[in-house]
Amino acid sequence: MGFLDDLKRQADAAKAAQNTDTASLTRNAALCDAACKTAFAYLSTLGQQLEVLQPRSKTRFRLDNKHVFDGLKCCGYRADARRKQLRGAEVFDYVVLNYQLQSGQRIAITKDFLPDIEKLDSRLRQSAATVDRESVRHPDNGRLQGVRYEFTADFHAFVRLTPDHDRGVLQFQIVNLDGFETVNVEFSAFEVGSARLDELARWLVGEPNQFLQGGQQLRRVEA
């Protein structure tokens, strides 16, 4: 075999690999988009039903030992989706279901111990509550004496699905379903159908569920 023949063989092999990679990427992207379409339709309908029912959360939301909230009203459900361009085609960028956890209580808290301030700051950021935060300083030397917080104890929760089109997986970010925490997990796109979404719906209303079973890259982070 001559040198030119050898180069041709290498080029043919590279071309075949490229065609295989392109076909795989196209297939994975199609699976992701189909799963996102199913999820968006499901979450839109779910949000409409839950907005009528306005269930009470079965989770206890703890800001500190004195401020713990039970039975928060779940309302303001809104499903949304965004699109983007990928290799010349329009695909889903993400799908999200947002809602509010409402108590309607106006709260004032003052913390004067740094670890307590840091912990409360973290939980309030996670809650997405609208907070008036004021540093209390010594009138003579300006030294920080504490922090005063005023806010209405209405919190934000959401479920976001972000497709990884090349890998053929959907990444779920679940925020404030089981307290002030973020849960990240991913599933192969072909696993995200009505059965998996039913388990997610059960979780959203506080019922026993198996949504996370079989998920990959599971990570829970508490505020």
C-alpha atoms as a PDB file:
ATOM      1  CA  MET A   1       0.000   0.000   0.000  1.00  0.00           C
ATOM      2  CA  GLY A   2       1.397   3.383  -1.008  1.00  0.00           C
ATOM      3  CA  PHE A   3       1.609   6.432   1.212  1.00  0.00           C
ATOM      4  CA  LEU A   4      -1.292   8.149  -0.577  1.00  0.00           C
ATOM      5  CA  ASP A   5      -3.448   5.071  -0.073  1.00  0.00           C
ATOM      6  CA  ASP A   6      -2.597   5.104   3.620  1.00  0.00           C
ATOM      7  CA  LEU A   7      -3.634   8.777   3.913  1.00  0.00           C
ATOM      8  CA  LYS A   8      -6.882   8.009   2.090  1.00  0.00           C
ATOM      9  CA  ARG A   9      -7.611   5.170   4.528  1.00  0.00           C
ATOM     10  CA  GLN A  10      -6.999   7.479   7.499  1.00  0.00           C
ATOM     11  CA  ALA A  11      -9.198  10.205   5.966  1.00  0.00           C
ATOM     12  CA  ASP A  12     -12.033   7.739   5.304  1.00  0.00           C
ATOM     13  CA  ALA A  13     -11.865   6.534   8.913  1.00  0.00           C
ATOM     14  CA  ALA A  14     -11.903  10.107  10.246  1.00  0.00           C
ATOM     15  CA  LYS A  15     -14.855  10.986   8.027  1.00  0.00           C
ATOM     16  CA  ALA A  16     -16.796   7.934   9.212  1.00  0.00           C
ATOM     17  CA  ALA A  17     -16.111   8.860  12.847  1.00  0.00           C
ATOM     18  CA  GLN A  18     -17.263  12.424  12.212  1.00  0.00           C
ATOM     19  CA  ASN A  19     -20.470  11.193  10.601  1.00  0.00           C
ATOM     20  CA  THR A  20     -21.087   8.883  13.563  1.00  0.00           C
ATOM     21  CA  ASP A  21     -20.468  11.724  16.036  1.00  0.00           C
ATOM     22  CA  THR A  22     -22.798  14.053  14.133  1.00  0.00           C
ATOM     23  CA  ALA A  23     -25.545  11.431  14.025  1.00  0.00           C
ATOM     24  CA  SER A  24     -25.139  10.792  17.754  1.00  0.00           C
ATOM     25  CA  LEU A  25     -25.328  14.505  18.578  1.00  0.00           C
ATOM     26  CA  THR A  26     -28.414  14.912  16.407  1.00  0.00           C
ATOM     27  CA  ARG A  27     -30.110  11.937  18.049  1.00  0.00           C
ATOM     28  CA  ASN A  28     -29.307  13.155  21.578  1.00  0.00           C
ATOM     29  CA  ALA A  29     -30.541  16.666  20.790  1.00  0.00           C
ATOM     30  CA  ALA A  30     -33.808  15.285  19.429  1.00  0.00           C
ATOM     31  CA  LEU A  31     -34.329  13.170  22.559  1.00  0.00           C
ATOM     32  CA  CYS A  32     -33.697  16.200  24.787  1.00  0.00           C
ATOM     33  CA  ASP A  33     -36.083  18.410  22.866  1.00  0.00           C
ATOM     34  CA  ALA A  34     -38.829  15.784  22.926  1.00  0.00           C
ATOM     35  CA  ALA A  35     -38.397  15.390  26.706  1.00  0.00           C
ATOM     36  CA  CYS A  36     -38.476  19.164  27.214  1.00  0.00           C
ATOM     37  CA  LYS A  37     -41.638  19.454  25.130  1.00  0.00           C
ATOM     38  CA  THR A  38     -43.288  16.759  27.246  1.00  0.00           C
ATOM     39  CA  ALA A  39     -42.107  18.367  30.479  1.00  0.00           C
ATOM     40  CA  PHE A  40     -43.290  21.842  29.492  1.00  0.00           C
ATOM     41  CA  ALA A  41     -46.761  20.586  28.587  1.00  0.00           C
ATOM     42  CA  TYR A  42     -46.934  18.568  31.822  1.00  0.00           C
ATOM     43  CA  LEU A  43     -45.713  21.388  34.088  1.00  0.00           C
ATOM     44  CA  SER A  44     -47.995  23.942  32.415  1.00  0.00           C
ATOM     45  CA  THR A  45     -51.040  21.784  33.104  1.00  0.00           C
ATOM     46  CA  LEU A  46     -49.829  20.898  36.591  1.00  0.00           C
ATOM     47  CA  GLY A  47     -49.310  24.559  37.447  1.00  0.00           C
ATOM     48  CA  GLN A  48     -52.831  25.432  36.300  1.00  0.00           C
ATOM     49  CA  GLN A  49     -54.364  22.742  38.520  1.00  0.00           C
ATOM     50  CA  LEU A  50     -52.247  23.607  41.552  1.00  0.00           C
ATOM     51  CA  GLU A  51     -53.079  27.286  41.159  1.00  0.00           C
ATOM     52  CA  VAL A  52     -56.734  26.373  41.642  1.00  0.00           C
ATOM     53  CA  LEU A  53     -56.030  24.029  44.552  1.00  0.00           C
ATOM     54  CA  GLN A  54     -53.367  26.223  46.218  1.00  0.00           C
ATOM     55  CA  PRO A  55     -52.124  23.404  48.462  1.00  0.00           C
ATOM     56  CA  ARG A  56     -50.374  23.973  51.757  1.00  0.00           C
ATOM     57  CA  SER A  57     -46.728  22.989  51.914  1.00  0.00           C
ATOM     58  CA  LYS A  58     -45.972  20.041  54.195  1.00  0.00           C
ATOM     59  CA  THR A  59     -42.394  21.254  54.679  1.00  0.00           C
ATOM     60  CA  ARG A  60     -41.114  23.248  57.669  1.00  0.00           C
ATOM     61  CA  PHE A  61     -39.079  26.267  56.595  1.00  0.00           C
ATOM     62  CA  ARG A  62     -36.638  27.321  59.304  1.00  0.00           C
ATOM     63  CA  LEU A  63     -34.884  30.684  59.279  1.00  0.00           C
ATOM     64  CA  ASP A  64     -33.642  30.277  62.850  1.00  0.00           C
ATOM     65  CA  ASN A  65     -34.839  28.643  66.062  1.00  0.00           C
ATOM     66  CA  LYS A  66     -37.506  31.300  66.632  1.00  0.00           C
ATOM     67  CA  HIS A  67     -38.783  31.714  63.089  1.00  0.00           C
ATOM     68  CA  VAL A  68     -40.133  28.473  61.644  1.00  0.00           C
ATOM     69  CA  PHE A  69     -42.950  28.415  59.086  1.00  0.00           C
ATOM     70  CA  ASP A  70     -45.416  25.560  58.595  1.00  0.00           C
ATOM     71  CA  GLY A  71     -48.290  25.132  56.179  1.00  0.00           C
ATOM     72  CA  LEU A  72     -47.211  27.851  53.756  1.00  0.00           C
ATOM     73  CA  LYS A  73     -49.710  28.470  50.971  1.00  0.00           C
ATOM     74  CA  CYS A  74     -48.382  27.456  47.559  1.00  0.00           C
ATOM     75  CA  CYS A  75     -49.616  29.749  44.808  1.00  0.00           C
ATOM     76  CA  GLY A  76     -48.548  31.874  41.856  1.00  0.00           C
ATOM     77  CA  TYR A  77     -47.641  28.862  39.747  1.00  0.00           C
ATOM     78  CA  ARG A  78     -46.170  29.784  36.380  1.00  0.00           C
ATOM     79  CA  ALA A  79     -44.550  27.503  33.822  1.00  0.00           C
ATOM     80  CA  ASP A  80     -42.188  29.014  31.273  1.00  0.00           C
ATOM     81  CA  ALA A  81     -39.730  27.879  28.624  1.00  0.00           C
ATOM     82  CA  ARG A  82     -37.008  29.540  26.576  1.00  0.00           C
ATOM     83  CA  ARG A  83     -35.517  28.529  23.250  1.00  0.00           C
ATOM     84  CA  LYS A  84     -32.058  28.932  21.751  1.00  0.00           C
ATOM     85  CA  GLN A  85     -30.149  28.147  18.565  1.00  0.00           C
ATOM     86  CA  LEU A  86     -27.994  25.020  18.404  1.00  0.00           C
ATOM     87  CA  ARG A  87     -26.139  24.064  15.239  1.00  0.00           C
ATOM     88  CA  GLY A  88     -28.626  26.017  13.128  1.00  0.00           C
ATOM     89  CA  ALA A  89     -31.737  24.595  14.789  1.00  0.00           C
ATOM     90  CA  GLU A  90     -34.047  26.042  17.458  1.00  0.00           C
ATOM     91  CA  VAL A  91     -34.080  23.939  20.614  1.00  0.00           C
ATOM     92  CA  PHE A  92     -35.187  24.291  24.232  1.00  0.00           C
ATOM     93  CA  ASP A  93     -32.821  26.287  26.445  1.00  0.00           C
ATOM     94  CA  TYR A  94     -34.716  25.482  29.663  1.00  0.00           C
ATOM     95  CA  VAL A  95     -38.133  24.725  31.136  1.00  0.00           C
ATOM     96  CA  VAL A  96     -39.149  26.065  34.558  1.00  0.00           C
ATOM     97  CA  LEU A  97     -42.078  25.978  36.976  1.00  0.00           C
ATOM     98  CA  ASN A  98     -42.048  28.831  39.494  1.00  0.00           C
ATOM     99  CA  TYR A  99     -44.310  29.336  42.481  1.00  0.00           C
ATOM    100  CA  GLN A 100     -44.581  31.161  45.805  1.00  0.00           C
ATOM    101  CA  LEU A 101     -44.685  29.900  49.392  1.00  0.00           C
ATOM    102  CA  GLN A 102     -46.723  32.494  51.259  1.00  0.00           C
ATOM    103  CA  SER A 103     -47.234  33.198  54.937  1.00  0.00           C
ATOM    104  CA  GLY A 104     -48.088  36.899  54.657  1.00  0.00           C
ATOM    105  CA  GLN A 105     -46.311  37.499  57.989  1.00  0.00           C
ATOM    106  CA  ARG A 106     -44.213  40.639  58.410  1.00  0.00           C
ATOM    107  CA  ILE A 107     -41.021  39.706  60.277  1.00  0.00           C
ATOM    108  CA  ALA A 108     -38.306  41.753  61.998  1.00  0.00           C
ATOM    109  CA  ILE A 109     -35.127  39.991  63.151  1.00  0.00           C
ATOM    110  CA  THR A 110     -31.937  41.404  64.641  1.00  0.00           C
ATOM    111  CA  LYS A 111     -28.737  39.318  64.793  1.00  0.00           C
ATOM    112  CA  ASP A 112     -25.578  40.384  66.611  1.00  0.00           C
ATOM    113  CA  PHE A 113     -23.453  37.217  66.315  1.00  0.00           C
ATOM    114  CA  LEU A 114     -21.502  36.810  63.068  1.00  0.00           C
ATOM    115  CA  PRO A 115     -22.235  33.079  62.484  1.00  0.00           C
ATOM    116  CA  ASP A 116     -25.952  33.764  63.035  1.00  0.00           C
ATOM    117  CA  ILE A 117     -25.811  36.674  60.577  1.00  0.00           C
ATOM    118  CA  GLU A 118     -24.097  34.539  57.947  1.00  0.00           C
ATOM    119  CA  LYS A 119     -26.576  31.682  58.373  1.00  0.00           C
ATOM    120  CA  LEU A 120     -29.606  33.956  58.166  1.00  0.00           C
ATOM    121  CA  ASP A 121     -28.154  35.790  55.164  1.00  0.00           C
ATOM    122  CA  SER A 122     -27.718  32.455  53.402  1.00  0.00           C
ATOM    123  CA  ARG A 123     -31.262  31.279  54.102  1.00  0.00           C
ATOM    124  CA  LEU A 124     -32.813  34.595  53.084  1.00  0.00           C
ATOM    125  CA  ARG A 125     -30.883  34.588  49.811  1.00  0.00           C
ATOM    126  CA  GLN A 126     -32.073  31.057  49.191  1.00  0.00           C
ATOM    127  CA  SER A 127     -35.667  32.024  49.997  1.00  0.00           C
ATOM    128  CA  ALA A 128     -35.648  34.911  47.471  1.00  0.00           C
ATOM    129  CA  ALA A 129     -37.708  36.985  49.916  1.00  0.00           C
ATOM    130  CA  THR A 130     -37.570  40.752  49.492  1.00  0.00           C
ATOM    131  CA  VAL A 131     -35.559  41.867  52.518  1.00  0.00           C
ATOM    132  CA  ASP A 132     -34.697  45.261  54.003  1.00  0.00           C
ATOM    133  CA  ARG A 133     -31.281  44.653  55.578  1.00  0.00           C
ATOM    134  CA  GLU A 134     -29.739  47.327  57.802  1.00  0.00           C
ATOM    135  CA  SER A 135     -26.357  47.199  59.521  1.00  0.00           C
ATOM    136  CA  VAL A 136     -26.428  48.469  63.107  1.00  0.00           C
ATOM    137  CA  ARG A 137     -23.148  50.205  64.029  1.00  0.00           C
ATOM    138  CA  HIS A 138     -21.733  51.751  67.190  1.00  0.00           C
ATOM    139  CA  PRO A 139     -22.364  55.530  67.079  1.00  0.00           C
ATOM    140  CA  ASP A 140     -18.823  56.374  68.217  1.00  0.00           C
ATOM    141  CA  ASN A 141     -16.464  53.945  66.460  1.00  0.00           C
ATOM    142  CA  GLY A 142     -18.672  52.656  63.625  1.00  0.00           C
ATOM    143  CA  ARG A 143     -18.073  49.044  64.627  1.00  0.00           C
ATOM    144  CA  LEU A 144     -20.708  46.606  63.441  1.00  0.00           C
ATOM    145  CA  GLN A 145     -23.000  45.662  66.329  1.00  0.00           C
ATOM    146  CA  GLY A 146     -25.547  43.637  64.434  1.00  0.00           C
ATOM    147  CA  VAL A 147     -27.845  43.418  61.452  1.00  0.00           C
ATOM    148  CA  ARG A 148     -31.566  44.119  61.383  1.00  0.00           C
ATOM    149  CA  TYR A 149     -33.789  42.375  58.846  1.00  0.00           C
ATOM    150  CA  GLU A 150     -37.367  43.277  57.923  1.00  0.00           C
ATOM    151  CA  PHE A 151     -39.339  41.298  55.371  1.00  0.00           C
ATOM    152  CA  THR A 152     -42.566  39.524  54.593  1.00  0.00           C
ATOM    153  CA  ALA A 153     -42.076  35.778  54.969  1.00  0.00           C
ATOM    154  CA  ASP A 154     -43.112  34.883  51.427  1.00  0.00           C
ATOM    155  CA  PHE A 155     -40.599  32.631  49.704  1.00  0.00           C
ATOM    156  CA  HIS A 156     -39.897  31.427  46.170  1.00  0.00           C
ATOM    157  CA  ALA A 157     -39.592  27.858  44.906  1.00  0.00           C
ATOM    158  CA  PHE A 158     -39.019  26.445  41.459  1.00  0.00           C
ATOM    159  CA  VAL A 159     -38.120  23.439  39.350  1.00  0.00           C
ATOM    160  CA  ARG A 160     -35.869  24.079  36.353  1.00  0.00           C
ATOM    161  CA  LEU A 161     -34.991  21.599  33.603  1.00  0.00           C
ATOM    162  CA  THR A 162     -31.909  22.353  31.533  1.00  0.00           C
ATOM    163  CA  PRO A 163     -31.124  20.037  28.628  1.00  0.00           C
ATOM    164  CA  ASP A 164     -27.582  19.004  27.759  1.00  0.00           C
ATOM    165  CA  HIS A 165     -28.295  18.307  24.111  1.00  0.00           C
ATOM    166  CA  ASP A 166     -24.910  16.823  23.253  1.00  0.00           C
ATOM    167  CA  ARG A 167     -25.006  14.307  26.108  1.00  0.00           C
ATOM    168  CA  GLY A 168     -28.708  13.549  25.823  1.00  0.00           C
ATOM    169  CA  VAL A 169     -29.518  14.308  29.469  1.00  0.00           C
ATOM    170  CA  LEU A 170     -31.813  16.675  31.362  1.00  0.00           C
ATOM    171  CA  GLN A 171     -30.473  18.418  34.428  1.00  0.00           C
ATOM    172  CA  PHE A 172     -33.062  19.215  37.122  1.00  0.00           C
ATOM    173  CA  GLN A 173     -32.580  21.995  39.667  1.00  0.00           C
ATOM    174  CA  ILE A 174     -35.162  21.808  42.468  1.00  0.00           C
ATOM    175  CA  VAL A 175     -35.195  24.768  44.837  1.00  0.00           C
ATOM    176  CA  ASN A 176     -36.953  25.021  48.225  1.00  0.00           C
ATOM    177  CA  LEU A 177     -39.205  21.968  48.033  1.00  0.00           C
ATOM    178  CA  ASP A 178     -37.854  20.350  51.209  1.00  0.00           C
ATOM    179  CA  GLY A 179     -36.753  23.477  53.051  1.00  0.00           C
ATOM    180  CA  PHE A 180     -34.166  26.065  52.119  1.00  0.00           C
ATOM    181  CA  GLU A 181     -32.058  23.894  49.865  1.00  0.00           C
ATOM    182  CA  THR A 182     -31.142  23.236  46.238  1.00  0.00           C
ATOM    183  CA  VAL A 183     -31.241  19.732  44.779  1.00  0.00           C
ATOM    184  CA  ASN A 184     -29.474  18.985  41.488  1.00  0.00           C
ATOM    185  CA  VAL A 185     -29.904  15.714  39.623  1.00  0.00           C
ATOM    186  CA  GLU A 186     -29.841  14.559  36.031  1.00  0.00           C
ATOM    187  CA  PHE A 187     -31.588  11.881  33.996  1.00  0.00           C
ATOM    188  CA  SER A 188     -31.185  10.554  30.497  1.00  0.00           C
ATOM    189  CA  ALA A 189     -33.663  12.344  28.265  1.00  0.00           C
ATOM    190  CA  PHE A 190     -35.526   9.118  27.420  1.00  0.00           C
ATOM    191  CA  GLU A 191     -36.240   8.638  31.166  1.00  0.00           C
ATOM    192  CA  VAL A 192     -38.116  11.947  31.454  1.00  0.00           C
ATOM    193  CA  GLY A 193     -41.697  11.069  30.622  1.00  0.00           C
ATOM    194  CA  SER A 194     -45.060  11.081  32.352  1.00  0.00           C
ATOM    195  CA  ALA A 195     -44.028   8.507  34.966  1.00  0.00           C
ATOM    196  CA  ARG A 196     -41.000  10.506  36.110  1.00  0.00           C
ATOM    197  CA  LEU A 197     -42.978  13.750  35.998  1.00  0.00           C
ATOM    198  CA  ASP A 198     -45.756  12.187  38.081  1.00  0.00           C
ATOM    199  CA  GLU A 199     -43.154  11.497  40.767  1.00  0.00           C
ATOM    200  CA  LEU A 200     -42.036  15.119  40.576  1.00  0.00           C
ATOM    201  CA  ALA A 201     -45.641  16.282  40.954  1.00  0.00           C
ATOM    202  CA  ARG A 202     -46.020  14.108  44.047  1.00  0.00           C
ATOM    203  CA  TRP A 203     -42.918  15.724  45.500  1.00  0.00           C
ATOM    204  CA  LEU A 204     -44.280  19.197  44.732  1.00  0.00           C
ATOM    205  CA  VAL A 205     -47.419  18.530  46.779  1.00  0.00           C
ATOM    206  CA  GLY A 206     -45.548  16.824  49.612  1.00  0.00           C
ATOM    207  CA  GLU A 207     -46.531  13.232  48.925  1.00  0.00           C
ATOM    208  CA  PRO A 208     -44.167  10.236  49.082  1.00  0.00           C
ATOM    209  CA  ASN A 209     -42.359   9.913  45.781  1.00  0.00           C
ATOM    210  CA  GLN A 210     -39.495   8.224  43.988  1.00  0.00           C
ATOM    211  CA  PHE A 211     -38.495  11.096  41.741  1.00  0.00           C
ATOM    212  CA  LEU A 212     -34.780  10.967  42.586  1.00  0.00           C
ATOM    213  CA  GLN A 213     -34.533   7.200  42.230  1.00  0.00           C
ATOM    214  CA  GLY A 214     -32.157   6.323  39.411  1.00  0.00           C
ATOM    215  CA  GLY A 215     -30.909   9.891  39.024  1.00  0.00           C
ATOM    216  CA  GLN A 216     -27.270  10.699  38.380  1.00  0.00           C
ATOM    217  CA  GLN A 217     -24.974  13.415  39.792  1.00  0.00           C
ATOM    218  CA  LEU A 218     -27.336  13.928  42.752  1.00  0.00           C
ATOM    219  CA  ARG A 219     -26.310  16.827  44.974  1.00  0.00           C
ATOM    220  CA  ARG A 220     -28.211  18.520  47.818  1.00  0.00           C
ATOM    221  CA  VAL A 221     -27.036  21.852  49.220  1.00  0.00           C
ATOM    222  CA  GLU A 222     -28.726  23.384  52.264  1.00  0.00           C
ATOM    223  CA  ALA A 223     -28.647  27.137  52.783  1.00  0.00           C
END
